[in-house]
Protein backbone atom coordinates (compact mmCIF):
# COMPACT_ATOMS: atom_id res chain seq x y z
CA MET A 1 13.13 -4.20 -2.83
CA LEU A 2 16.44 -2.57 -2.00
CA GLU A 3 17.32 1.06 -1.31
CA THR A 4 19.10 1.05 -4.69
CA ASP A 5 15.68 0.44 -6.31
CA LEU A 6 14.30 3.78 -5.07
CA PRO A 7 15.26 5.82 -8.18
CA ALA A 8 13.36 3.31 -10.35
CA VAL A 9 10.45 3.38 -7.89
CA LEU A 10 10.32 7.18 -8.13
CA ALA A 11 10.25 6.91 -11.93
CA VAL A 12 7.34 4.43 -11.75
CA GLN A 13 5.56 6.73 -9.29
CA ARG A 14 5.83 9.68 -11.69
CA LEU A 15 4.59 7.63 -14.66
CA ALA A 16 1.74 6.13 -12.64
CA TYR A 17 0.51 9.28 -10.88
CA GLY A 18 1.89 12.24 -12.78
CA ASP A 19 2.69 15.12 -10.48
CA GLY A 20 -0.34 14.51 -8.26
CA TYR A 21 0.81 12.01 -5.64
CA GLN A 22 4.56 12.17 -5.30
CA GLU A 23 6.35 10.98 -2.18
CA SER A 24 10.01 11.65 -1.59
CA ALA A 25 12.82 9.10 -1.68
CA ALA A 26 13.39 9.84 2.03
CA VAL A 27 9.81 8.90 2.98
CA LEU A 28 9.73 5.82 0.77
CA GLY A 29 13.16 4.76 2.02
CA ALA A 30 11.90 4.98 5.60
CA LYS A 31 8.92 2.77 4.73
CA LEU A 32 11.28 0.28 3.09
CA ARG A 33 13.50 0.20 6.19
CA LEU A 34 10.41 -0.24 8.38
CA ALA A 35 9.42 -3.51 6.65
CA PRO A 36 11.87 -4.55 3.91
CA ALA A 37 10.28 -8.01 3.63
CA ALA A 38 6.94 -6.39 2.71
CA CYS A 39 8.06 -4.16 -0.18
CA TRP A 40 8.65 -5.35 -3.75
CA VAL A 41 9.51 -4.13 -7.24
CA ALA A 42 8.12 -5.79 -10.37
CA ASP A 43 10.84 -5.79 -13.02
CA ASP A 44 10.81 -7.20 -16.55
CA GLY A 45 14.60 -7.37 -16.85
CA GLU A 46 14.71 -4.03 -18.64
CA GLY A 47 13.36 -1.90 -15.83
CA ALA A 48 10.80 -1.49 -13.09
CA LEU A 49 7.15 -1.84 -14.10
CA GLY A 50 5.59 -1.51 -10.67
CA TYR A 51 6.13 -1.58 -6.94
CA VAL A 52 4.37 -2.03 -3.64
CA PHE A 53 5.17 -0.67 -0.18
CA SER A 54 3.46 -2.26 2.80
CA HIS A 55 4.22 -2.57 6.50
CA PRO A 56 2.59 -3.76 9.72
CA TRP A 57 0.51 -1.05 11.37
CA GLY A 58 -2.28 -0.40 13.85
CA ALA A 59 -6.01 -0.03 13.37
CA MET A 60 -5.98 3.33 11.57
CA PRO A 61 -3.82 4.57 8.67
CA PRO A 62 -0.53 6.37 9.34
CA PRO A 63 0.02 9.96 8.25
CA LEU A 64 0.85 10.49 4.58
CA HIS A 65 4.26 11.89 3.52
CA THR A 66 5.79 10.92 6.88
CA ALA A 67 8.98 8.96 7.43
CA LEU A 68 7.86 6.21 9.80
CA SER A 69 10.51 4.73 12.07
CA ASP A 70 8.78 2.11 14.23
CA VAL A 71 6.07 -0.50 13.85
CA PRO A 72 3.52 0.11 16.63
CA ALA A 73 3.32 -2.49 19.39
CA ASP A 74 -0.40 -2.94 18.64
CA ALA A 75 0.14 -3.72 14.92
CA CYS A 76 -2.84 -5.77 13.76
CA ALA A 77 -2.87 -5.05 10.02
CA MET A 78 -0.57 -5.00 7.05
CA PHE A 79 -0.98 -1.46 5.78
CA LEU A 80 -0.66 -1.37 2.00
CA HIS A 81 0.81 2.09 1.60
CA ASP A 82 1.14 2.22 -2.17
CA LEU A 83 0.93 -0.08 -5.17
CA ALA A 84 1.67 1.44 -8.57
CA VAL A 85 2.18 0.08 -12.09
CA VAL A 86 3.39 2.06 -15.10
CA PRO A 87 0.63 2.68 -17.66
CA ALA A 88 2.30 0.42 -20.24
CA GLY A 89 2.29 -2.45 -17.73
CA ARG A 90 -1.36 -2.24 -16.68
CA GLY A 91 -3.68 -5.10 -17.46
CA GLY A 92 -0.91 -7.69 -17.40
CA GLY A 93 -1.45 -8.94 -13.86
CA ILE A 94 1.45 -7.03 -12.28
CA ALA A 95 -0.75 -5.37 -9.67
CA ALA A 96 -2.40 -8.69 -8.80
CA ARG A 97 0.98 -10.39 -8.33
CA LEU A 98 2.28 -7.57 -6.14
CA PHE A 99 -0.90 -7.68 -4.06
CA ASP A 100 -0.62 -11.48 -3.72
CA ARG A 101 2.83 -10.98 -2.17
CA VAL A 102 1.45 -8.49 0.34
CA ARG A 103 -1.37 -10.85 1.25
CA ALA A 104 1.00 -13.81 1.69
CA ARG A 105 3.32 -11.72 3.89
CA ALA A 106 0.39 -10.52 6.02
CA VAL A 107 -0.90 -14.08 6.50
CA ALA A 108 2.60 -15.38 7.31
CA SER A 109 2.98 -12.58 9.84
CA GLY A 110 -0.25 -13.58 11.60
CA LEU A 111 -1.92 -10.22 11.02
CA GLU A 112 -5.71 -9.86 11.19
CA ARG A 113 -6.24 -7.80 8.05
CA ILE A 114 -4.79 -5.78 5.24
CA SER A 115 -5.75 -2.12 5.28
CA LEU A 116 -5.23 0.73 2.84
CA VAL A 117 -6.49 4.13 1.86
CA ALA A 118 -7.97 3.84 -1.62
CA LEU A 119 -7.77 6.97 -3.69
CA ALA A 120 -11.06 7.85 -5.37
CA ASP A 121 -10.12 6.29 -8.71
CA ALA A 122 -8.87 3.02 -7.13
CA ARG A 123 -11.79 2.07 -4.89
CA ALA A 124 -13.34 -0.31 -7.43
CA PHE A 125 -9.97 -2.03 -8.00
CA TRP A 126 -9.65 -2.80 -4.28
CA ALA A 127 -13.31 -3.77 -3.90
CA ARG A 128 -12.80 -6.42 -6.62
CA ARG A 129 -10.08 -7.88 -4.40
CA GLY A 130 -12.42 -8.19 -1.43
CA PHE A 131 -11.72 -4.92 0.38
CA VAL A 132 -14.64 -3.24 2.13
CA SER A 133 -15.08 0.20 3.60
CA ALA A 134 -13.86 0.65 7.16
CA ARG A 135 -16.44 3.41 7.60
CA GLY A 136 -18.14 1.49 10.42
CA ARG A 137 -14.97 1.80 12.48
CA GLY A 138 -14.71 5.54 11.94
CA GLY A 139 -12.24 5.19 9.07
CA ASP A 140 -13.42 8.12 6.96
CA ALA A 141 -13.67 10.56 9.83
CA ARG A 142 -10.06 9.95 10.85
CA LEU A 143 -8.21 9.81 7.53
CA PRO A 144 -4.90 11.67 7.71
CA ALA A 145 -4.64 14.80 5.57
CA GLY A 146 -3.35 14.60 2.03
CA TYR A 147 -5.21 11.65 0.56
CA GLY A 148 -7.57 13.83 -1.46
CA ALA A 149 -11.30 14.01 -2.05
CA GLY A 150 -13.02 10.66 -2.34
CA ALA A 151 -10.30 8.66 -0.58
CA GLU A 152 -11.60 5.85 1.58
CA PHE A 153 -10.07 3.67 4.29
CA MET A 154 -10.66 0.03 3.30
CA GLU A 155 -9.85 -3.36 4.81
CA LEU A 156 -9.63 -7.00 3.88
CA ALA A 157 -10.11 -9.46 6.76
CA LEU A 158 -7.61 -12.31 6.72
CA ARG A 159 -9.14 -14.38 9.51
CA SER A 160 -12.69 -15.67 9.60
CA GLY A 161 -14.93 -13.91 12.07
CA LEU A 162 -13.45 -10.49 11.45
CA SER A 163 -15.51 -7.84 9.77
CA GLY A 164 -14.42 -4.67 7.98
């Protein structure tokens, strides 16, 4: 993904979420600059169909709607900030391919896990990909504001011996 892709990303975001979960170009641009090798756009040659933003992070999720500037020294997880696909592109494997890129980047980076905050309507999607609740580590009690009712901090262990 390049900074020049951000207008297309914002269009995908609006189609995917409506007016409910919009993040600004400034915030998304900061996430892209934080980890450009961990952010991708899915494009069919005629336009963007989906995107994913991810970046190395610590044990708990970062604040929402915040322009992050530095990866923490104790980064142990690839935080999957957002993965969205336009409604017309759903069911075609776009989300799975974007997630596979995040997973490959996390493994190549030597990180312990992938973490994310699943919105209420996406928890089953992430559970099918092996994510489990991080509730046992205090994940729900410490979710940053803004994720909405029913959001849950979830993790996928990348190394054997780790538990969610």
